[in-house]
Amino acid sequence: MRQPDNRALLLDMLLAAREARALAEGLTRDGLMEDRVLFLALQKLIENIGEAASRLSEGARSKLPALPWKDIFGMRHRLVHDYMRVNLDRVWIVIATDLDPLIAEIEHQGITPEPENE
């Protein structure tokens, strides 16, 4: 069985979290509720974080014990399989409180995007 590319998966998580944070900058819960397209974009980025997390090896996850892996997997599962009942408040909590700690933990592991060649 092929081993997962843990660095690439962590980078995917980091980039999705950063993009979600950037899209949500200055956003309020009510603003999120009023902008369906933005809500769906943020929901997809959160789903992508969960998908990458689910593919990480156990060893890679164990190096980041502060992250709530079970919650990350559960959120992805809800977004993918129970998408008709996604709770806006739960998505808002992820955006407002969970992205920054996720970003910090991954960056603390030395995971950062490669500088673009100019």
N, C-alpha and C. Protein backbone atom coordinates (compact mmCIF):
# COMPACT_ATOMS: atom_id res chain seq x y z
N MET A 1 0.84 -1.18 0.00
CA MET A 1 0.00 0.00 0.00
C MET A 1 0.89 1.25 0.00
N ARG A 2 0.53 2.22 -0.80
CA ARG A 2 1.30 3.45 -0.93
C ARG A 2 1.15 4.33 0.31
N GLN A 3 2.27 4.86 0.79
CA GLN A 3 2.25 5.75 1.94
C GLN A 3 1.74 7.13 1.53
N PRO A 4 0.97 7.77 2.39
CA PRO A 4 0.50 9.11 2.06
C PRO A 4 1.65 10.12 2.10
N ASP A 5 1.54 11.15 1.28
CA ASP A 5 2.50 12.24 1.30
C ASP A 5 2.02 13.23 2.36
N ASN A 6 2.44 12.97 3.60
CA ASN A 6 1.95 13.75 4.73
C ASN A 6 2.23 15.24 4.60
N ARG A 7 3.40 15.59 4.10
CA ARG A 7 3.73 17.01 3.95
C ARG A 7 2.76 17.67 2.97
N ALA A 8 2.50 17.02 1.85
CA ALA A 8 1.58 17.59 0.86
C ALA A 8 0.17 17.71 1.43
N LEU A 9 -0.25 16.72 2.19
CA LEU A 9 -1.59 16.77 2.79
C LEU A 9 -1.70 17.88 3.82
N LEU A 10 -0.67 18.05 4.64
CA LEU A 10 -0.67 19.15 5.61
C LEU A 10 -0.65 20.50 4.89
N LEU A 11 0.09 20.56 3.81
CA LEU A 11 0.11 21.80 3.02
C LEU A 11 -1.28 22.08 2.44
N ASP A 12 -1.96 21.05 1.95
CA ASP A 12 -3.33 21.23 1.45
C ASP A 12 -4.24 21.77 2.56
N MET A 13 -4.10 21.20 3.75
CA MET A 13 -4.91 21.69 4.87
C MET A 13 -4.60 23.15 5.17
N LEU A 14 -3.31 23.48 5.20
CA LEU A 14 -2.89 24.84 5.50
C LEU A 14 -3.42 25.82 4.46
N LEU A 15 -3.27 25.50 3.19
CA LEU A 15 -3.71 26.41 2.13
C LEU A 15 -5.22 26.61 2.14
N ALA A 16 -5.97 25.54 2.37
CA ALA A 16 -7.43 25.66 2.44
C ALA A 16 -7.84 26.50 3.63
N ALA A 17 -7.18 26.31 4.76
CA ALA A 17 -7.50 27.09 5.96
C ALA A 17 -7.17 28.56 5.76
N ARG A 18 -6.02 28.83 5.16
CA ARG A 18 -5.66 30.23 4.89
C ARG A 18 -6.64 30.88 3.93
N GLU A 19 -7.03 30.15 2.90
CA GLU A 19 -7.97 30.71 1.93
C GLU A 19 -9.32 30.98 2.58
N ALA A 20 -9.78 30.06 3.40
CA ALA A 20 -11.05 30.26 4.11
C ALA A 20 -10.96 31.48 5.01
N ARG A 21 -9.85 31.59 5.74
CA ARG A 21 -9.68 32.74 6.63
C ARG A 21 -9.68 34.04 5.83
N ALA A 22 -9.02 34.05 4.68
CA ALA A 22 -8.97 35.25 3.85
C ALA A 22 -10.36 35.61 3.31
N LEU A 23 -11.10 34.61 2.86
CA LEU A 23 -12.45 34.87 2.34
C LEU A 23 -13.38 35.39 3.43
N ALA A 24 -13.14 34.96 4.65
CA ALA A 24 -14.02 35.32 5.76
C ALA A 24 -13.58 36.59 6.49
N GLU A 25 -12.49 37.19 6.05
CA GLU A 25 -11.99 38.38 6.74
C GLU A 25 -13.07 39.46 6.79
N GLY A 26 -13.34 39.94 7.99
CA GLY A 26 -14.34 40.97 8.20
C GLY A 26 -15.78 40.50 8.15
N LEU A 27 -15.96 39.22 7.97
CA LEU A 27 -17.30 38.64 7.84
C LEU A 27 -17.94 38.44 9.21
N THR A 28 -19.23 38.65 9.27
CA THR A 28 -19.99 38.35 10.48
C THR A 28 -20.83 37.12 10.22
N ARG A 29 -21.37 36.56 11.28
CA ARG A 29 -22.26 35.41 11.13
C ARG A 29 -23.44 35.77 10.24
N ASP A 30 -24.04 36.94 10.49
CA ASP A 30 -25.18 37.37 9.67
C ASP A 30 -24.78 37.56 8.22
N GLY A 31 -23.57 38.10 8.00
CA GLY A 31 -23.08 38.27 6.64
C GLY A 31 -22.92 36.93 5.94
N LEU A 32 -22.46 35.95 6.68
CA LEU A 32 -22.32 34.61 6.11
C LEU A 32 -23.68 34.05 5.73
N MET A 33 -24.66 34.28 6.59
CA MET A 33 -26.00 33.77 6.34
C MET A 33 -26.61 34.42 5.09
N GLU A 34 -26.23 35.65 4.80
CA GLU A 34 -26.80 36.38 3.67
C GLU A 34 -26.09 36.12 2.35
N ASP A 35 -24.91 35.51 2.38
CA ASP A 35 -24.13 35.29 1.16
C ASP A 35 -23.98 33.80 0.90
N ARG A 36 -24.93 33.24 0.18
CA ARG A 36 -24.97 31.79 -0.07
C ARG A 36 -23.73 31.30 -0.81
N VAL A 37 -23.26 32.06 -1.78
CA VAL A 37 -22.10 31.64 -2.56
C VAL A 37 -20.86 31.58 -1.66
N LEU A 38 -20.67 32.58 -0.83
CA LEU A 38 -19.54 32.58 0.08
C LEU A 38 -19.66 31.44 1.09
N PHE A 39 -20.87 31.21 1.59
CA PHE A 39 -21.09 30.10 2.52
C PHE A 39 -20.68 28.78 1.87
N LEU A 40 -21.09 28.56 0.62
CA LEU A 40 -20.75 27.31 -0.06
C LEU A 40 -19.25 27.20 -0.32
N ALA A 41 -18.61 28.31 -0.65
CA ALA A 41 -17.15 28.29 -0.87
C ALA A 41 -16.43 27.94 0.42
N LEU A 42 -16.83 28.55 1.52
CA LEU A 42 -16.19 28.26 2.81
C LEU A 42 -16.47 26.82 3.24
N GLN A 43 -17.67 26.37 3.00
CA GLN A 43 -18.03 24.99 3.33
C GLN A 43 -17.13 24.02 2.56
N LYS A 44 -16.88 24.30 1.30
CA LYS A 44 -16.03 23.44 0.48
C LYS A 44 -14.58 23.44 0.99
N LEU A 45 -14.08 24.59 1.38
CA LEU A 45 -12.72 24.66 1.91
C LEU A 45 -12.59 23.87 3.21
N ILE A 46 -13.60 23.95 4.05
CA ILE A 46 -13.60 23.16 5.30
C ILE A 46 -13.65 21.67 4.97
N GLU A 47 -14.44 21.32 3.99
CA GLU A 47 -14.50 19.92 3.53
C GLU A 47 -13.13 19.46 3.05
N ASN A 48 -12.43 20.32 2.30
CA ASN A 48 -11.10 19.97 1.79
C ASN A 48 -10.11 19.75 2.93
N ILE A 49 -10.21 20.56 3.97
CA ILE A 49 -9.35 20.38 5.14
C ILE A 49 -9.58 18.98 5.73
N GLY A 50 -10.84 18.62 5.89
CA GLY A 50 -11.17 17.32 6.44
C GLY A 50 -10.75 16.16 5.56
N GLU A 51 -10.87 16.35 4.26
CA GLU A 51 -10.46 15.28 3.34
C GLU A 51 -8.95 15.05 3.42
N ALA A 52 -8.18 16.12 3.40
CA ALA A 52 -6.72 15.97 3.52
C ALA A 52 -6.36 15.35 4.87
N ALA A 53 -7.03 15.79 5.93
CA ALA A 53 -6.76 15.25 7.26
C ALA A 53 -7.04 13.76 7.32
N SER A 54 -8.10 13.33 6.66
CA SER A 54 -8.46 11.91 6.71
C SER A 54 -7.45 11.02 6.00
N ARG A 55 -6.65 11.61 5.12
CA ARG A 55 -5.65 10.84 4.38
C ARG A 55 -4.27 10.83 5.04
N LEU A 56 -4.10 11.66 6.07
CA LEU A 56 -2.83 11.69 6.79
C LEU A 56 -2.57 10.37 7.50
N SER A 57 -1.31 10.01 7.61
CA SER A 57 -0.97 8.82 8.38
C SER A 57 -1.20 9.09 9.86
N GLU A 58 -1.36 8.02 10.62
CA GLU A 58 -1.52 8.15 12.06
C GLU A 58 -0.30 8.82 12.68
N GLY A 59 0.87 8.51 12.16
CA GLY A 59 2.09 9.12 12.66
C GLY A 59 2.11 10.63 12.48
N ALA A 60 1.65 11.09 11.34
CA ALA A 60 1.60 12.54 11.09
C ALA A 60 0.60 13.21 12.02
N ARG A 61 -0.54 12.57 12.22
CA ARG A 61 -1.55 13.14 13.13
C ARG A 61 -1.04 13.17 14.56
N SER A 62 -0.27 12.16 14.94
CA SER A 62 0.22 12.12 16.32
C SER A 62 1.22 13.24 16.61
N LYS A 63 1.83 13.81 15.57
CA LYS A 63 2.75 14.94 15.75
C LYS A 63 2.01 16.25 15.97
N LEU A 64 0.70 16.22 15.83
CA LEU A 64 -0.14 17.41 16.01
C LEU A 64 -1.26 17.09 16.98
N PRO A 65 -0.92 16.73 18.22
CA PRO A 65 -1.94 16.27 19.16
C PRO A 65 -2.93 17.35 19.59
N ALA A 66 -2.58 18.60 19.39
CA ALA A 66 -3.48 19.69 19.79
C ALA A 66 -4.67 19.84 18.84
N LEU A 67 -4.56 19.25 17.65
CA LEU A 67 -5.67 19.38 16.70
C LEU A 67 -6.77 18.37 17.02
N PRO A 68 -8.02 18.81 16.93
CA PRO A 68 -9.15 17.92 17.25
C PRO A 68 -9.51 17.04 16.04
N TRP A 69 -8.70 16.02 15.83
CA TRP A 69 -8.85 15.19 14.63
C TRP A 69 -10.25 14.62 14.48
N LYS A 70 -10.81 14.13 15.55
CA LYS A 70 -12.15 13.54 15.48
C LYS A 70 -13.17 14.57 15.00
N ASP A 71 -13.06 15.79 15.49
CA ASP A 71 -13.96 16.86 15.06
C ASP A 71 -13.75 17.23 13.60
N ILE A 72 -12.49 17.26 13.18
CA ILE A 72 -12.17 17.59 11.78
C ILE A 72 -12.78 16.53 10.86
N PHE A 73 -12.60 15.25 11.21
CA PHE A 73 -13.17 14.17 10.39
C PHE A 73 -14.68 14.23 10.40
N GLY A 74 -15.25 14.48 11.58
CA GLY A 74 -16.70 14.53 11.71
C GLY A 74 -17.31 15.66 10.91
N MET A 75 -16.65 16.80 10.89
CA MET A 75 -17.17 17.93 10.11
C MET A 75 -17.13 17.60 8.63
N ARG A 76 -16.04 17.03 8.17
CA ARG A 76 -15.95 16.63 6.76
C ARG A 76 -17.05 15.64 6.40
N HIS A 77 -17.25 14.66 7.28
CA HIS A 77 -18.28 13.66 7.04
C HIS A 77 -19.67 14.31 6.92
N ARG A 78 -19.95 15.24 7.82
CA ARG A 78 -21.25 15.92 7.79
C ARG A 78 -21.41 16.72 6.50
N LEU A 79 -20.38 17.45 6.11
CA LEU A 79 -20.46 18.28 4.91
C LEU A 79 -20.66 17.44 3.65
N VAL A 80 -20.02 16.27 3.61
CA VAL A 80 -20.08 15.43 2.41
C VAL A 80 -21.35 14.58 2.38
N HIS A 81 -21.70 13.98 3.50
CA HIS A 81 -22.77 12.99 3.49
C HIS A 81 -24.11 13.48 4.01
N ASP A 82 -24.11 14.59 4.71
CA ASP A 82 -25.36 15.09 5.26
C ASP A 82 -25.51 16.57 4.91
N TYR A 83 -25.13 16.89 3.67
CA TYR A 83 -25.02 18.27 3.22
C TYR A 83 -26.33 19.05 3.27
N MET A 84 -27.46 18.36 3.28
CA MET A 84 -28.75 19.05 3.33
C MET A 84 -29.07 19.56 4.73
N ARG A 85 -28.30 19.11 5.72
CA ARG A 85 -28.56 19.52 7.10
C ARG A 85 -27.33 20.16 7.74
N VAL A 86 -26.53 20.87 6.93
CA VAL A 86 -25.34 21.53 7.47
C VAL A 86 -25.78 22.67 8.37
N ASN A 87 -25.22 22.72 9.54
CA ASN A 87 -25.56 23.73 10.53
C ASN A 87 -24.71 24.98 10.30
N LEU A 88 -25.35 26.08 9.93
CA LEU A 88 -24.64 27.32 9.66
C LEU A 88 -23.84 27.77 10.87
N ASP A 89 -24.38 27.61 12.06
CA ASP A 89 -23.66 28.03 13.26
C ASP A 89 -22.38 27.23 13.45
N ARG A 90 -22.42 25.95 13.14
CA ARG A 90 -21.21 25.12 13.27
C ARG A 90 -20.16 25.55 12.27
N VAL A 91 -20.58 25.84 11.04
CA VAL A 91 -19.64 26.33 10.02
C VAL A 91 -19.05 27.66 10.49
N TRP A 92 -19.89 28.53 11.04
CA TRP A 92 -19.40 29.82 11.52
C TRP A 92 -18.37 29.64 12.64
N ILE A 93 -18.60 28.72 13.55
CA ILE A 93 -17.65 28.47 14.64
C ILE A 93 -16.31 28.02 14.08
N VAL A 94 -16.34 27.14 13.10
CA VAL A 94 -15.09 26.69 12.48
C VAL A 94 -14.35 27.89 11.89
N ILE A 95 -15.07 28.73 11.17
CA ILE A 95 -14.44 29.88 10.53
C ILE A 95 -13.92 30.87 11.57
N ALA A 96 -14.74 31.16 12.56
CA ALA A 96 -14.40 32.21 13.53
C ALA A 96 -13.37 31.78 14.57
N THR A 97 -13.34 30.49 14.92
CA THR A 97 -12.47 30.10 16.03
C THR A 97 -11.51 28.95 15.74
N ASP A 98 -11.78 28.13 14.77
CA ASP A 98 -10.97 26.92 14.59
C ASP A 98 -9.86 27.04 13.55
N LEU A 99 -9.98 27.96 12.62
CA LEU A 99 -8.98 28.04 11.54
C LEU A 99 -7.62 28.53 12.04
N ASP A 100 -7.61 29.58 12.85
CA ASP A 100 -6.33 30.13 13.30
C ASP A 100 -5.50 29.11 14.08
N PRO A 101 -6.08 28.38 15.04
CA PRO A 101 -5.27 27.35 15.73
C PRO A 101 -4.79 26.25 14.79
N LEU A 102 -5.60 25.87 13.82
CA LEU A 102 -5.20 24.86 12.84
C LEU A 102 -4.00 25.36 12.04
N ILE A 103 -4.09 26.58 11.55
CA ILE A 103 -3.00 27.18 10.78
C ILE A 103 -1.73 27.23 11.63
N ALA A 104 -1.86 27.71 12.85
CA ALA A 104 -0.69 27.84 13.74
C ALA A 104 -0.02 26.49 14.00
N GLU A 105 -0.82 25.47 14.24
CA GLU A 105 -0.25 24.14 14.53
C GLU A 105 0.49 23.58 13.33
N ILE A 106 -0.08 23.73 12.15
CA ILE A 106 0.58 23.21 10.95
C ILE A 106 1.85 24.00 10.66
N GLU A 107 1.77 25.32 10.76
CA GLU A 107 2.96 26.13 10.53
C GLU A 107 4.06 25.83 11.55
N HIS A 108 3.65 25.51 12.77
CA HIS A 108 4.62 25.16 13.82
C HIS A 108 5.43 23.91 13.44
N GLN A 109 4.84 23.07 12.60
CA GLN A 109 5.54 21.87 12.12
C GLN A 109 6.48 22.18 10.97
N GLY A 110 6.57 23.46 10.59
CA GLY A 110 7.47 23.87 9.50
C GLY A 110 6.86 23.71 8.14
N ILE A 111 5.56 23.49 8.07
CA ILE A 111 4.89 23.34 6.78
C ILE A 111 4.51 24.72 6.27
N THR A 112 5.09 25.10 5.15
CA THR A 112 4.74 26.36 4.50
C THR A 112 4.84 26.14 3.00
N PRO A 113 4.11 26.93 2.23
CA PRO A 113 4.20 26.79 0.78
C PRO A 113 5.59 27.17 0.28
N GLU A 114 6.00 26.51 -0.76
CA GLU A 114 7.29 26.87 -1.39
C GLU A 114 7.13 28.25 -2.03
N PRO A 115 8.15 29.08 -1.96
CA PRO A 115 8.04 30.39 -2.63
C PRO A 115 7.86 30.17 -4.13
N GLU A 116 7.01 31.00 -4.71
CA GLU A 116 6.78 30.88 -6.15
C GLU A 116 7.98 31.41 -6.90
N ASN A 117 8.33 30.73 -7.99
CA ASN A 117 9.43 31.17 -8.84
C ASN A 117 8.97 32.36 -9.66
N GLU A 118 9.81 33.36 -9.70
CA GLU A 118 9.43 34.55 -10.48
C GLU A 118 10.24 34.61 -11.74
